Amino acid sequence: MEAPAGFLVVSLLLSCFVATSYGVYFSSLKETLLVTATHTQGQVLKAGEDKITVTWRFNQTYPAGTDSNYKTIKVKLCYAPISQKDRKWRKTEDLLKKDKTCPHKIVARPYAASNNSFTWTIEKDIPSATYFVRAYAFDAQDVQVAYGQTTDAHKSTNLFLVQAITGRHTSLDIASVCFSVFSVVSLAFFFFIEKRKAKASPQK
């Protein structure tokens, strides 16, 4: 017996409501995306200066049609476990709406199965830490349905470090030194003039 069209619509809406209300668990997602980034293991990159190029594509070993509901790809910079230790604000949670592993957005793009790349300049406000890159596939309801990442399941390989901006700049340091030297010279000159005036006064 064929199900009424209205019943199918209600079922679809109900399933979407359940997914968005209760959230998606990372452990339920399949790693169907192949993600790479142009860095080497342990490389140190400078925030505000260095760049990485991220590429992603659908893993063709999965059956055709697996990606039929993929609509958007969101690529993120994620903390490695070594930079999450004793930092609750970076804690990994299986429930993605509570997960704090990947707070830094790199790019969001409409889904395409292949030929995807993006060159990203590491933003100035990225803190010093050890990172990897992860990409999520989202469906039409903006719900995560799959992922891929540049590291292994234990998040222990192919990691890189970011060195944050310290808040000081070389030119500012040079200016500070120059100002200090100028102040000392000016003070010495002032005392020299005053001393000459003092010596000249009794002779008048």
N, C-alpha and C. Protein backbone atom coordinates (compact mmCIF):
# COMPACT_ATOMS: atom_id res chain seq x y z
N MET A 1 0.86 -1.21 0.00
CA MET A 1 0.00 0.00 0.00
C MET A 1 0.88 1.25 0.00
N GLU A 2 0.63 2.17 -0.89
CA GLU A 2 1.45 3.37 -1.02
C GLU A 2 1.09 4.37 0.07
N ALA A 3 2.13 4.92 0.72
CA ALA A 3 1.90 5.89 1.79
C ALA A 3 1.44 7.21 1.21
N PRO A 4 0.50 7.89 1.86
CA PRO A 4 0.02 9.19 1.38
C PRO A 4 1.17 10.20 1.33
N ALA A 5 1.10 11.12 0.36
CA ALA A 5 2.16 12.13 0.21
C ALA A 5 2.28 12.99 1.46
N GLY A 6 1.14 13.30 2.07
CA GLY A 6 1.17 14.13 3.28
C GLY A 6 1.92 13.46 4.41
N PHE A 7 1.76 12.14 4.52
CA PHE A 7 2.45 11.39 5.56
C PHE A 7 3.97 11.45 5.36
N LEU A 8 4.40 11.33 4.10
CA LEU A 8 5.83 11.37 3.80
C LEU A 8 6.42 12.75 4.13
N VAL A 9 5.67 13.80 3.81
CA VAL A 9 6.14 15.16 4.11
C VAL A 9 6.28 15.36 5.61
N VAL A 10 5.25 14.90 6.35
CA VAL A 10 5.29 15.04 7.81
C VAL A 10 6.45 14.26 8.39
N SER A 11 6.71 13.06 7.87
CA SER A 11 7.81 12.23 8.36
C SER A 11 9.15 12.91 8.12
N LEU A 12 9.29 13.52 6.93
CA LEU A 12 10.52 14.21 6.60
C LEU A 12 10.75 15.40 7.51
N LEU A 13 9.68 16.17 7.72
CA LEU A 13 9.79 17.34 8.60
C LEU A 13 10.10 16.92 10.03
N LEU A 14 9.49 15.81 10.48
CA LEU A 14 9.72 15.32 11.83
C LEU A 14 11.17 14.89 12.02
N SER A 15 11.73 14.21 11.00
CA SER A 15 13.12 13.76 11.09
C SER A 15 14.07 14.94 11.14
N CYS A 16 13.76 15.99 10.36
CA CYS A 16 14.58 17.20 10.38
C CYS A 16 14.50 17.89 11.73
N PHE A 17 13.28 17.91 12.30
CA PHE A 17 13.08 18.53 13.60
C PHE A 17 13.88 17.81 14.68
N VAL A 18 13.86 16.47 14.63
CA VAL A 18 14.60 15.68 15.61
C VAL A 18 16.09 15.95 15.51
N ALA A 19 16.61 16.01 14.27
CA ALA A 19 18.04 16.24 14.06
C ALA A 19 18.46 17.60 14.58
N THR A 20 17.64 18.63 14.31
CA THR A 20 18.01 19.97 14.72
C THR A 20 17.75 20.21 16.20
N SER A 21 16.78 19.53 16.77
CA SER A 21 16.45 19.73 18.18
C SER A 21 17.44 19.03 19.10
N TYR A 22 17.74 17.77 18.78
CA TYR A 22 18.61 16.99 19.66
C TYR A 22 20.07 17.06 19.26
N GLY A 23 20.33 17.47 18.04
CA GLY A 23 21.70 17.65 17.60
C GLY A 23 22.29 16.40 16.97
N VAL A 24 23.44 16.60 16.33
CA VAL A 24 24.15 15.54 15.64
C VAL A 24 25.38 15.15 16.45
N TYR A 25 25.65 13.85 16.51
CA TYR A 25 26.84 13.36 17.20
C TYR A 25 27.95 13.09 16.19
N PHE A 26 29.14 13.54 16.53
CA PHE A 26 30.27 13.36 15.63
C PHE A 26 30.49 11.88 15.31
N SER A 27 30.30 11.02 16.29
CA SER A 27 30.51 9.59 16.10
C SER A 27 29.55 8.98 15.09
N SER A 28 28.47 9.71 14.76
CA SER A 28 27.49 9.18 13.81
C SER A 28 27.84 9.54 12.36
N LEU A 29 28.83 10.42 12.19
CA LEU A 29 29.18 10.89 10.85
C LEU A 29 30.18 9.97 10.18
N LYS A 30 30.06 9.84 8.86
CA LYS A 30 31.03 9.07 8.09
C LYS A 30 32.11 10.01 7.56
N GLU A 31 33.34 9.52 7.54
CA GLU A 31 34.46 10.32 7.03
C GLU A 31 34.54 10.11 5.51
N THR A 32 33.67 10.82 4.80
CA THR A 32 33.58 10.63 3.35
C THR A 32 34.36 11.67 2.56
N LEU A 33 34.97 12.63 3.25
CA LEU A 33 35.72 13.67 2.57
C LEU A 33 37.22 13.46 2.76
N LEU A 34 37.97 13.67 1.71
CA LEU A 34 39.43 13.62 1.78
C LEU A 34 39.94 15.06 1.83
N VAL A 35 40.64 15.38 2.91
CA VAL A 35 41.07 16.76 3.15
C VAL A 35 42.59 16.81 3.30
N THR A 36 43.22 17.75 2.64
CA THR A 36 44.66 17.95 2.77
C THR A 36 44.95 19.43 2.97
N ALA A 37 46.12 19.73 3.52
CA ALA A 37 46.56 21.11 3.69
C ALA A 37 48.06 21.19 3.47
N THR A 38 48.52 22.32 2.97
CA THR A 38 49.93 22.50 2.60
C THR A 38 50.77 22.90 3.81
N HIS A 39 50.99 21.96 4.67
CA HIS A 39 51.91 22.17 5.79
C HIS A 39 52.59 20.85 6.06
N THR A 40 53.67 20.90 6.82
CA THR A 40 54.37 19.67 7.18
C THR A 40 54.17 19.39 8.66
N GLN A 41 54.37 18.15 9.04
CA GLN A 41 54.20 17.75 10.43
C GLN A 41 55.09 18.59 11.34
N GLY A 42 54.47 19.25 12.33
CA GLY A 42 55.23 20.04 13.29
C GLY A 42 55.65 21.41 12.82
N GLN A 43 55.24 21.81 11.62
CA GLN A 43 55.63 23.12 11.10
C GLN A 43 55.02 24.23 11.95
N VAL A 44 55.80 25.31 12.16
CA VAL A 44 55.33 26.46 12.93
C VAL A 44 54.97 27.57 11.95
N LEU A 45 53.72 28.01 12.00
CA LEU A 45 53.22 29.07 11.11
C LEU A 45 52.88 30.30 11.95
N LYS A 46 53.09 31.48 11.38
CA LYS A 46 52.86 32.73 12.10
C LYS A 46 51.49 33.31 11.77
N ALA A 47 50.73 33.62 12.81
CA ALA A 47 49.42 34.25 12.63
C ALA A 47 49.58 35.61 11.98
N GLY A 48 48.68 35.90 11.03
CA GLY A 48 48.72 37.18 10.35
C GLY A 48 49.71 37.26 9.21
N GLU A 49 50.52 36.20 9.02
CA GLU A 49 51.54 36.22 7.97
C GLU A 49 51.46 35.00 7.06
N ASP A 50 51.56 33.82 7.63
CA ASP A 50 51.67 32.61 6.83
C ASP A 50 50.31 32.15 6.29
N LYS A 51 50.39 31.33 5.23
CA LYS A 51 49.18 30.83 4.56
C LYS A 51 49.23 29.31 4.46
N ILE A 52 48.03 28.73 4.38
CA ILE A 52 47.92 27.31 4.05
C ILE A 52 46.86 27.17 2.96
N THR A 53 47.07 26.21 2.09
CA THR A 53 46.07 25.91 1.07
C THR A 53 45.41 24.58 1.42
N VAL A 54 44.10 24.64 1.56
CA VAL A 54 43.32 23.45 1.92
C VAL A 54 42.60 22.93 0.68
N THR A 55 42.64 21.62 0.47
CA THR A 55 41.89 20.99 -0.62
C THR A 55 40.97 19.92 -0.04
N TRP A 56 39.85 19.70 -0.68
CA TRP A 56 38.92 18.66 -0.22
C TRP A 56 38.16 18.10 -1.41
N ARG A 57 37.77 16.83 -1.28
CA ARG A 57 37.00 16.17 -2.32
C ARG A 57 36.27 14.96 -1.72
N PHE A 58 35.29 14.49 -2.43
CA PHE A 58 34.54 13.31 -2.00
C PHE A 58 35.39 12.06 -2.22
N ASN A 59 35.37 11.17 -1.23
CA ASN A 59 36.10 9.91 -1.34
C ASN A 59 35.33 8.95 -2.24
N GLN A 60 35.88 8.70 -3.41
CA GLN A 60 35.17 7.91 -4.42
C GLN A 60 35.03 6.44 -4.06
N THR A 61 35.64 6.00 -2.95
CA THR A 61 35.47 4.61 -2.54
C THR A 61 34.09 4.36 -1.95
N TYR A 62 33.36 5.44 -1.60
CA TYR A 62 31.99 5.29 -1.11
C TYR A 62 31.04 5.15 -2.30
N PRO A 63 29.91 4.49 -2.10
CA PRO A 63 28.97 4.26 -3.20
C PRO A 63 28.47 5.56 -3.82
N ALA A 64 28.20 5.54 -5.10
CA ALA A 64 27.63 6.70 -5.79
C ALA A 64 26.32 7.09 -5.13
N GLY A 65 26.13 8.38 -4.94
CA GLY A 65 24.91 8.87 -4.32
C GLY A 65 25.04 9.12 -2.83
N THR A 66 26.16 8.68 -2.23
CA THR A 66 26.37 8.91 -0.79
C THR A 66 26.31 10.40 -0.47
N ASP A 67 26.80 11.21 -1.40
CA ASP A 67 26.86 12.66 -1.17
C ASP A 67 25.67 13.41 -1.77
N SER A 68 24.60 12.72 -2.04
CA SER A 68 23.45 13.34 -2.72
C SER A 68 22.79 14.45 -1.91
N ASN A 69 22.93 14.40 -0.59
CA ASN A 69 22.31 15.44 0.23
C ASN A 69 23.31 16.46 0.75
N TYR A 70 24.55 16.42 0.24
CA TYR A 70 25.54 17.40 0.65
C TYR A 70 25.27 18.73 -0.08
N LYS A 71 25.13 19.80 0.65
CA LYS A 71 24.84 21.09 0.05
C LYS A 71 25.94 22.12 0.29
N THR A 72 26.58 22.06 1.45
CA THR A 72 27.59 23.05 1.81
C THR A 72 28.77 22.37 2.48
N ILE A 73 29.96 22.92 2.25
CA ILE A 73 31.15 22.46 2.95
C ILE A 73 31.67 23.62 3.81
N LYS A 74 31.92 23.34 5.07
CA LYS A 74 32.51 24.33 5.97
C LYS A 74 33.83 23.79 6.48
N VAL A 75 34.90 24.51 6.18
CA VAL A 75 36.25 24.10 6.57
C VAL A 75 36.66 24.88 7.81
N LYS A 76 37.21 24.15 8.80
CA LYS A 76 37.53 24.79 10.08
C LYS A 76 38.93 24.42 10.57
N LEU A 77 39.48 25.33 11.35
CA LEU A 77 40.75 25.09 12.04
C LEU A 77 40.43 24.54 13.42
N CYS A 78 41.07 23.41 13.76
CA CYS A 78 40.69 22.68 14.97
C CYS A 78 41.88 22.46 15.90
N TYR A 79 41.60 22.46 17.19
CA TYR A 79 42.63 22.22 18.20
C TYR A 79 42.98 20.74 18.27
N ALA A 80 44.27 20.45 18.33
CA ALA A 80 44.73 19.09 18.59
C ALA A 80 44.62 18.82 20.09
N PRO A 81 44.55 17.55 20.50
CA PRO A 81 44.39 17.22 21.92
C PRO A 81 45.42 17.87 22.84
N ILE A 82 46.66 18.00 22.37
CA ILE A 82 47.71 18.58 23.22
C ILE A 82 47.40 20.03 23.59
N SER A 83 46.63 20.71 22.76
CA SER A 83 46.27 22.11 23.04
C SER A 83 44.88 22.23 23.66
N GLN A 84 44.26 21.10 23.96
CA GLN A 84 42.96 21.10 24.63
C GLN A 84 43.09 20.74 26.11
N LYS A 85 44.22 20.15 26.48
CA LYS A 85 44.41 19.68 27.84
C LYS A 85 44.29 20.83 28.85
N ASP A 86 43.45 20.62 29.88
CA ASP A 86 43.21 21.60 30.95
C ASP A 86 42.61 22.90 30.42
N ARG A 87 41.96 22.85 29.26
CA ARG A 87 41.29 24.03 28.69
C ARG A 87 39.86 23.63 28.34
N LYS A 88 38.96 23.82 29.28
CA LYS A 88 37.57 23.40 29.08
C LYS A 88 36.90 24.13 27.92
N TRP A 89 37.36 25.34 27.63
CA TRP A 89 36.75 26.11 26.55
C TRP A 89 37.15 25.58 25.17
N ARG A 90 38.01 24.55 25.15
CA ARG A 90 38.39 23.91 23.89
C ARG A 90 38.00 22.42 23.89
N LYS A 91 37.18 22.03 24.82
CA LYS A 91 36.87 20.62 25.05
C LYS A 91 36.12 19.98 23.88
N THR A 92 36.50 18.75 23.57
CA THR A 92 35.80 17.97 22.54
C THR A 92 34.57 17.30 23.13
N GLU A 93 33.44 17.45 22.46
CA GLU A 93 32.19 16.80 22.84
C GLU A 93 31.65 16.05 21.62
N ASP A 94 31.12 14.86 21.84
CA ASP A 94 30.57 14.10 20.73
C ASP A 94 29.35 14.80 20.13
N LEU A 95 28.57 15.45 20.98
CA LEU A 95 27.43 16.23 20.51
C LEU A 95 27.97 17.52 19.89
N LEU A 96 27.83 17.66 18.60
CA LEU A 96 28.52 18.73 17.88
C LEU A 96 28.11 20.14 18.30
N LYS A 97 26.87 20.32 18.72
CA LYS A 97 26.46 21.67 19.11
C LYS A 97 27.13 22.11 20.41
N LYS A 98 27.75 21.16 21.13
CA LYS A 98 28.50 21.48 22.34
C LYS A 98 30.01 21.37 22.14
N ASP A 99 30.40 20.87 20.99
CA ASP A 99 31.82 20.64 20.72
C ASP A 99 32.57 21.95 20.51
N LYS A 100 33.77 22.04 21.08
CA LYS A 100 34.57 23.25 20.98
C LYS A 100 35.92 22.97 20.31
N THR A 101 36.00 21.85 19.60
CA THR A 101 37.26 21.48 18.97
C THR A 101 37.63 22.40 17.82
N CYS A 102 36.64 22.81 17.06
CA CYS A 102 36.89 23.54 15.80
C CYS A 102 36.18 24.90 15.77
N PRO A 103 36.64 25.88 16.53
CA PRO A 103 35.92 27.15 16.59
C PRO A 103 36.29 28.15 15.50
N HIS A 104 37.37 27.87 14.76
CA HIS A 104 37.87 28.87 13.82
C HIS A 104 37.48 28.54 12.38
N LYS A 105 36.67 29.40 11.79
CA LYS A 105 36.21 29.20 10.41
C LYS A 105 37.31 29.55 9.42
N ILE A 106 37.52 28.68 8.45
CA ILE A 106 38.44 28.96 7.35
C ILE A 106 37.66 29.41 6.13
N VAL A 107 36.68 28.61 5.70
CA VAL A 107 35.87 28.98 4.55
C VAL A 107 34.61 28.12 4.50
N ALA A 108 33.57 28.64 3.85
CA ALA A 108 32.35 27.88 3.57
C ALA A 108 32.08 27.99 2.08
N ARG A 109 31.78 26.85 1.46
CA ARG A 109 31.57 26.82 0.02
C ARG A 109 30.40 25.89 -0.33
N PRO A 110 29.70 26.16 -1.44
CA PRO A 110 28.72 25.18 -1.92
C PRO A 110 29.42 23.87 -2.23
N TYR A 111 28.74 22.77 -2.02
CA TYR A 111 29.38 21.46 -2.19
C TYR A 111 29.68 21.15 -3.66
N ALA A 112 30.87 20.61 -3.87
CA ALA A 112 31.27 20.05 -5.16
C ALA A 112 32.10 18.82 -4.85
N ALA A 113 31.93 17.77 -5.61
CA ALA A 113 32.58 16.50 -5.29
C ALA A 113 34.09 16.52 -5.46
N SER A 114 34.61 17.44 -6.28
CA SER A 114 36.05 17.47 -6.54
C SER A 114 36.51 18.87 -6.91
N ASN A 115 37.83 19.02 -7.08
CA ASN A 115 38.44 20.29 -7.51
C ASN A 115 38.10 21.46 -6.57
N ASN A 116 38.26 21.22 -5.28
CA ASN A 116 38.00 22.26 -4.28
C ASN A 116 39.30 22.63 -3.58
N SER A 117 39.59 23.92 -3.52
CA SER A 117 40.76 24.38 -2.78
C SER A 117 40.55 25.81 -2.32
N PHE A 118 41.26 26.17 -1.26
CA PHE A 118 41.16 27.52 -0.73
C PHE A 118 42.46 27.86 -0.02
N THR A 119 43.03 29.01 -0.34
CA THR A 119 44.25 29.48 0.32
C THR A 119 43.86 30.48 1.39
N TRP A 120 44.26 30.19 2.59
CA TRP A 120 43.83 30.96 3.76
C TRP A 120 45.03 31.55 4.48
N THR A 121 45.00 32.86 4.69
CA THR A 121 46.00 33.51 5.53
C THR A 121 45.56 33.36 6.98
N ILE A 122 46.42 32.78 7.80
CA ILE A 122 46.07 32.56 9.20
C ILE A 122 45.75 33.89 9.86
N GLU A 123 44.58 34.00 10.40
CA GLU A 123 44.10 35.28 10.93
C GLU A 123 44.90 35.73 12.15
N LYS A 124 44.91 37.04 12.34
CA LYS A 124 45.76 37.64 13.38
C LYS A 124 45.32 37.26 14.79
N ASP A 125 44.05 36.92 14.97
CA ASP A 125 43.56 36.61 16.32
C ASP A 125 43.62 35.13 16.66
N ILE A 126 44.24 34.31 15.81
CA ILE A 126 44.36 32.88 16.10
C ILE A 126 45.39 32.69 17.22
N PRO A 127 45.03 32.02 18.32
CA PRO A 127 45.96 31.85 19.44
C PRO A 127 47.03 30.79 19.16
N SER A 128 48.12 30.87 19.90
CA SER A 128 49.18 29.88 19.79
C SER A 128 48.64 28.52 20.23
N ALA A 129 48.80 27.52 19.39
CA ALA A 129 48.32 26.17 19.70
C ALA A 129 48.75 25.23 18.58
N THR A 130 48.44 23.93 18.79
CA THR A 130 48.68 22.92 17.77
C THR A 130 47.34 22.60 17.11
N TYR A 131 47.32 22.52 15.79
CA TYR A 131 46.07 22.44 15.05
C TYR A 131 46.06 21.35 13.97
N PHE A 132 44.85 21.08 13.49
CA PHE A 132 44.63 20.34 12.25
C PHE A 132 43.44 20.99 11.56
N VAL A 133 43.11 20.54 10.36
CA VAL A 133 42.00 21.10 9.59
C VAL A 133 40.92 20.04 9.41
N ARG A 134 39.68 20.45 9.57
CA ARG A 134 38.54 19.55 9.37
C ARG A 134 37.50 20.23 8.48
N ALA A 135 36.86 19.44 7.64
CA ALA A 135 35.78 19.94 6.79
C ALA A 135 34.51 19.16 7.10
N TYR A 136 33.40 19.88 7.26
CA TYR A 136 32.09 19.27 7.47
C TYR A 136 31.23 19.47 6.23
N ALA A 137 30.48 18.44 5.88
CA ALA A 137 29.45 18.56 4.85
C ALA A 137 28.10 18.78 5.54
N PHE A 138 27.34 19.75 5.05
CA PHE A 138 26.02 20.08 5.62
C PHE A 138 24.95 19.82 4.58
N ASP A 139 23.77 19.44 5.07
CA ASP A 139 22.64 19.24 4.17
C ASP A 139 21.85 20.54 4.00
N ALA A 140 20.70 20.46 3.36
CA ALA A 140 19.91 21.65 3.07
C ALA A 140 19.37 22.33 4.34
N GLN A 141 19.28 21.56 5.44
CA GLN A 141 18.82 22.13 6.71
C GLN A 141 19.98 22.63 7.56
N ASP A 142 21.19 22.70 6.97
CA ASP A 142 22.40 23.16 7.64
C ASP A 142 22.76 22.26 8.83
N VAL A 143 22.59 20.96 8.63
CA VAL A 143 22.93 19.94 9.62
C VAL A 143 24.13 19.14 9.11
N GLN A 144 25.09 18.86 9.99
CA GLN A 144 26.26 18.09 9.59
C GLN A 144 25.87 16.67 9.20
N VAL A 145 26.40 16.22 8.05
CA VAL A 145 26.07 14.87 7.58
C VAL A 145 27.32 14.04 7.28
N ALA A 146 28.49 14.68 7.21
CA ALA A 146 29.73 13.95 6.94
C ALA A 146 30.90 14.87 7.26
N TYR A 147 32.10 14.30 7.23
CA TYR A 147 33.28 15.12 7.52
C TYR A 147 34.52 14.52 6.87
N GLY A 148 35.61 15.26 6.98
CA GLY A 148 36.93 14.79 6.60
C GLY A 148 37.94 15.66 7.33
N GLN A 149 39.15 15.17 7.55
CA GLN A 149 40.14 15.95 8.27
C GLN A 149 41.55 15.59 7.83
N THR A 150 42.49 16.47 8.17
CA THR A 150 43.87 16.27 7.73
C THR A 150 44.67 15.36 8.65
N THR A 151 44.07 14.94 9.75
CA THR A 151 44.77 14.08 10.71
C THR A 151 44.06 12.73 10.83
N ASP A 152 44.59 11.86 11.68
CA ASP A 152 43.98 10.54 11.86
C ASP A 152 42.87 10.59 12.89
N ALA A 153 42.27 9.46 13.19
CA ALA A 153 41.14 9.41 14.12
C ALA A 153 41.53 9.83 15.53
N HIS A 154 42.80 9.63 15.89
CA HIS A 154 43.28 10.01 17.22
C HIS A 154 43.77 11.45 17.27
N LYS A 155 43.74 12.12 16.14
CA LYS A 155 44.18 13.52 16.02
C LYS A 155 45.62 13.69 16.53
N SER A 156 46.48 12.79 16.07
CA SER A 156 47.88 12.81 16.53
C SER A 156 48.90 12.92 15.40
N THR A 157 48.45 12.89 14.15
CA THR A 157 49.38 12.96 13.02
C THR A 157 49.09 14.19 12.16
N ASN A 158 50.12 14.60 11.41
CA ASN A 158 49.98 15.70 10.46
C ASN A 158 49.44 16.97 11.12
N LEU A 159 50.00 17.30 12.27
CA LEU A 159 49.60 18.49 13.01
C LEU A 159 50.57 19.63 12.73
N PHE A 160 50.12 20.86 12.93
CA PHE A 160 51.01 22.01 12.78
C PHE A 160 50.74 23.01 13.90
N LEU A 161 51.69 23.89 14.12
CA LEU A 161 51.60 24.86 15.19
C LEU A 161 51.39 26.26 14.62
N VAL A 162 50.67 27.07 15.35
CA VAL A 162 50.50 28.48 15.01
C VAL A 162 51.10 29.32 16.12
N GLN A 163 51.94 30.26 15.73
CA GLN A 163 52.53 31.19 16.68
C GLN A 163 51.74 32.48 16.63
N ALA A 164 51.11 32.83 17.74
CA ALA A 164 50.23 34.00 17.78
C ALA A 164 51.04 35.30 17.76
N ILE A 165 50.36 36.37 17.36
CA ILE A 165 50.96 37.70 17.43
C ILE A 165 51.06 38.10 18.90
N THR A 166 52.22 38.58 19.31
CA THR A 166 52.44 38.89 20.72
C THR A 166 51.90 40.25 21.12
N GLY A 167 51.56 41.09 20.15
CA GLY A 167 51.08 42.43 20.48
C GLY A 167 52.15 43.48 20.33
N ARG A 168 53.40 43.05 20.13
CA ARG A 168 54.50 43.98 19.91
C ARG A 168 55.00 43.81 18.49
N HIS A 169 55.51 44.89 17.94
CA HIS A 169 56.01 44.86 16.57
C HIS A 169 57.43 45.39 16.57
N THR A 170 58.26 44.88 15.66
CA THR A 170 59.66 45.27 15.61
C THR A 170 59.82 46.78 15.45
N SER A 171 59.03 47.39 14.59
CA SER A 171 59.14 48.83 14.36
C SER A 171 58.82 49.62 15.62
N LEU A 172 57.87 49.11 16.42
CA LEU A 172 57.53 49.78 17.68
C LEU A 172 58.67 49.67 18.67
N ASP A 173 59.31 48.51 18.69
CA ASP A 173 60.47 48.33 19.59
C ASP A 173 61.60 49.28 19.20
N ILE A 174 61.85 49.42 17.89
CA ILE A 174 62.91 50.33 17.42
C ILE A 174 62.57 51.76 17.79
N ALA A 175 61.32 52.15 17.59
CA ALA A 175 60.89 53.52 17.93
C ALA A 175 61.04 53.78 19.42
N SER A 176 60.73 52.77 20.22
CA SER A 176 60.85 52.92 21.67
C SER A 176 62.29 53.13 22.09
N VAL A 177 63.19 52.36 21.49
CA VAL A 177 64.63 52.51 21.79
C VAL A 177 65.13 53.89 21.38
N CYS A 178 64.73 54.33 20.17
CA CYS A 178 65.16 55.64 19.67
C CYS A 178 64.67 56.77 20.58
N PHE A 179 63.41 56.64 21.03
CA PHE A 179 62.86 57.65 21.92
C PHE A 179 63.63 57.69 23.24
N SER A 180 63.97 56.52 23.76
CA SER A 180 64.71 56.45 25.02
C SER A 180 66.08 57.10 24.88
N VAL A 181 66.76 56.81 23.77
CA VAL A 181 68.08 57.39 23.53
C VAL A 181 67.97 58.90 23.40
N PHE A 182 66.94 59.36 22.66
CA PHE A 182 66.73 60.79 22.49
C PHE A 182 66.49 61.47 23.83
N SER A 183 65.72 60.81 24.69
CA SER A 183 65.42 61.38 26.01
C SER A 183 66.68 61.54 26.85
N VAL A 184 67.54 60.52 26.82
CA VAL A 184 68.78 60.56 27.60
C VAL A 184 69.70 61.66 27.08
N VAL A 185 69.83 61.74 25.76
CA VAL A 185 70.69 62.77 25.15
C VAL A 185 70.17 64.17 25.46
N SER A 186 68.83 64.33 25.35
CA SER A 186 68.22 65.63 25.63
C SER A 186 68.45 66.04 27.08
N LEU A 187 68.32 65.09 28.01
CA LEU A 187 68.52 65.38 29.41
C LEU A 187 69.97 65.76 29.70
N ALA A 188 70.91 65.04 29.07
CA ALA A 188 72.34 65.35 29.25
C ALA A 188 72.66 66.74 28.71
N PHE A 189 72.06 67.10 27.55
CA PHE A 189 72.29 68.41 26.95
C PHE A 189 71.73 69.50 27.84
N PHE A 190 70.55 69.25 28.44
CA PHE A 190 69.92 70.22 29.32
C PHE A 190 70.81 70.50 30.53
N PHE A 191 71.32 69.44 31.14
CA PHE A 191 72.20 69.63 32.30
C PHE A 191 73.50 70.34 31.91
N PHE A 192 74.01 70.09 30.72
CA PHE A 192 75.23 70.74 30.24
C PHE A 192 75.03 72.25 30.11
N ILE A 193 73.87 72.63 29.52
CA ILE A 193 73.55 74.05 29.35
C ILE A 193 73.38 74.73 30.70
N GLU A 194 72.67 74.06 31.62
CA GLU A 194 72.45 74.63 32.94
C GLU A 194 73.77 74.81 33.69
N LYS A 195 74.66 73.84 33.51
CA LYS A 195 75.96 73.93 34.19
C LYS A 195 76.78 75.08 33.66
N ARG A 196 76.72 75.32 32.34
CA ARG A 196 77.45 76.44 31.75
C ARG A 196 76.89 77.76 32.22
N LYS A 197 75.54 77.82 32.34
CA LYS A 197 74.91 79.03 32.82
C LYS A 197 75.35 79.34 34.26
N ALA A 198 75.41 78.24 35.07
CA ALA A 198 75.79 78.41 36.47
C ALA A 198 77.22 78.92 36.59
N LYS A 199 78.13 78.44 35.72
CA LYS A 199 79.52 78.88 35.76
C LYS A 199 79.67 80.32 35.26
N ALA A 200 78.81 80.68 34.30
CA ALA A 200 78.92 82.01 33.71
C ALA A 200 78.35 83.09 34.63
N SER A 201 77.42 82.76 35.47
CA SER A 201 76.75 83.74 36.33
C SER A 201 77.70 84.48 37.26
N PRO A 202 78.63 83.86 38.03
CA PRO A 202 79.52 84.61 38.94
C PRO A 202 80.47 85.56 38.23
N GLN A 203 80.73 85.34 36.95
CA GLN A 203 81.69 86.16 36.23
C GLN A 203 81.10 87.48 35.79
N LYS A 204 79.75 87.64 35.88
CA LYS A 204 79.09 88.88 35.45
C LYS A 204 79.27 89.98 36.49
